[in-house]
Amino acid sequence: MARKIKDSVPMAFRLRSDLAKKIDALNEKTGLPKTVIVEKALEKYFENLEGENHE
């Protein structure tokens, strides 16, 4: 059975080298795609922002 394709938008941006190294290291350690690592980090970041705005 084929995987469901996520709705996505290509984006291009620069990251600080220390953040890129952390993403690379986590990718190597877990095998998770870098896209998934960044998506999860951004989801958590936005959840935290929303929580701060509702207090």
Protein backbone atom coordinates (compact mmCIF):
# COMPACT_ATOMS: atom_id res chain seq x y z
CA MET A 1 0.00 0.00 0.00
CA ALA A 2 1.40 3.41 -0.96
CA ARG A 3 2.07 6.07 1.65
CA LYS A 4 -0.32 8.99 1.81
CA ILE A 5 1.33 12.16 0.50
CA LYS A 6 1.17 15.04 2.96
CA ASP A 7 0.01 18.46 1.90
CA SER A 8 3.28 20.35 1.79
CA VAL A 9 4.93 23.50 0.53
CA PRO A 10 8.60 23.71 -0.42
CA MET A 11 10.50 26.36 1.54
CA ALA A 12 14.06 27.58 1.44
CA PHE A 13 15.75 29.35 4.35
CA ARG A 14 19.02 29.56 6.23
CA LEU A 15 19.69 28.13 9.68
CA ARG A 16 22.45 28.87 12.13
CA SER A 17 25.15 26.25 11.78
CA ASP A 18 24.72 25.05 15.39
CA LEU A 19 21.05 24.28 14.74
CA ALA A 20 21.86 22.53 11.47
CA LYS A 21 24.43 20.37 13.29
CA LYS A 22 21.83 19.39 15.90
CA ILE A 23 19.34 18.45 13.18
CA ASP A 24 22.03 16.43 11.39
CA ALA A 25 23.00 14.64 14.60
CA LEU A 26 19.41 13.76 15.46
CA ASN A 27 18.86 12.55 11.90
CA GLU A 28 21.91 10.27 12.16
CA LYS A 29 20.93 8.99 15.62
CA THR A 30 17.24 8.32 14.96
CA GLY A 31 16.99 7.91 11.20
CA LEU A 32 14.15 10.43 11.18
CA PRO A 33 14.07 12.59 8.06
CA LYS A 34 15.26 16.14 8.66
CA THR A 35 11.88 17.42 7.47
CA VAL A 36 10.14 15.46 10.22
CA ILE A 37 12.57 16.77 12.85
CA VAL A 38 11.95 20.38 11.82
CA GLU A 39 8.17 19.87 11.53
CA LYS A 40 7.98 18.41 15.05
CA ALA A 41 10.12 21.21 16.47
CA LEU A 42 7.98 23.89 14.82
CA GLU A 43 4.74 22.23 15.95
CA LYS A 44 6.00 22.23 19.55
CA TYR A 45 7.17 25.84 19.24
CA PHE A 46 3.78 27.03 17.97
CA GLU A 47 1.94 25.01 20.64
CA ASN A 48 4.04 26.75 23.29
CA LEU A 49 3.34 30.17 21.79
CA GLU A 50 -0.39 29.48 21.72
CA GLY A 51 -0.29 28.35 25.35
CA GLU A 52 1.49 31.55 26.40
CA ASN A 53 -1.09 33.70 24.59
CA HIS A 54 -4.03 32.03 26.36
CA GLU A 55 -2.79 32.47 29.91
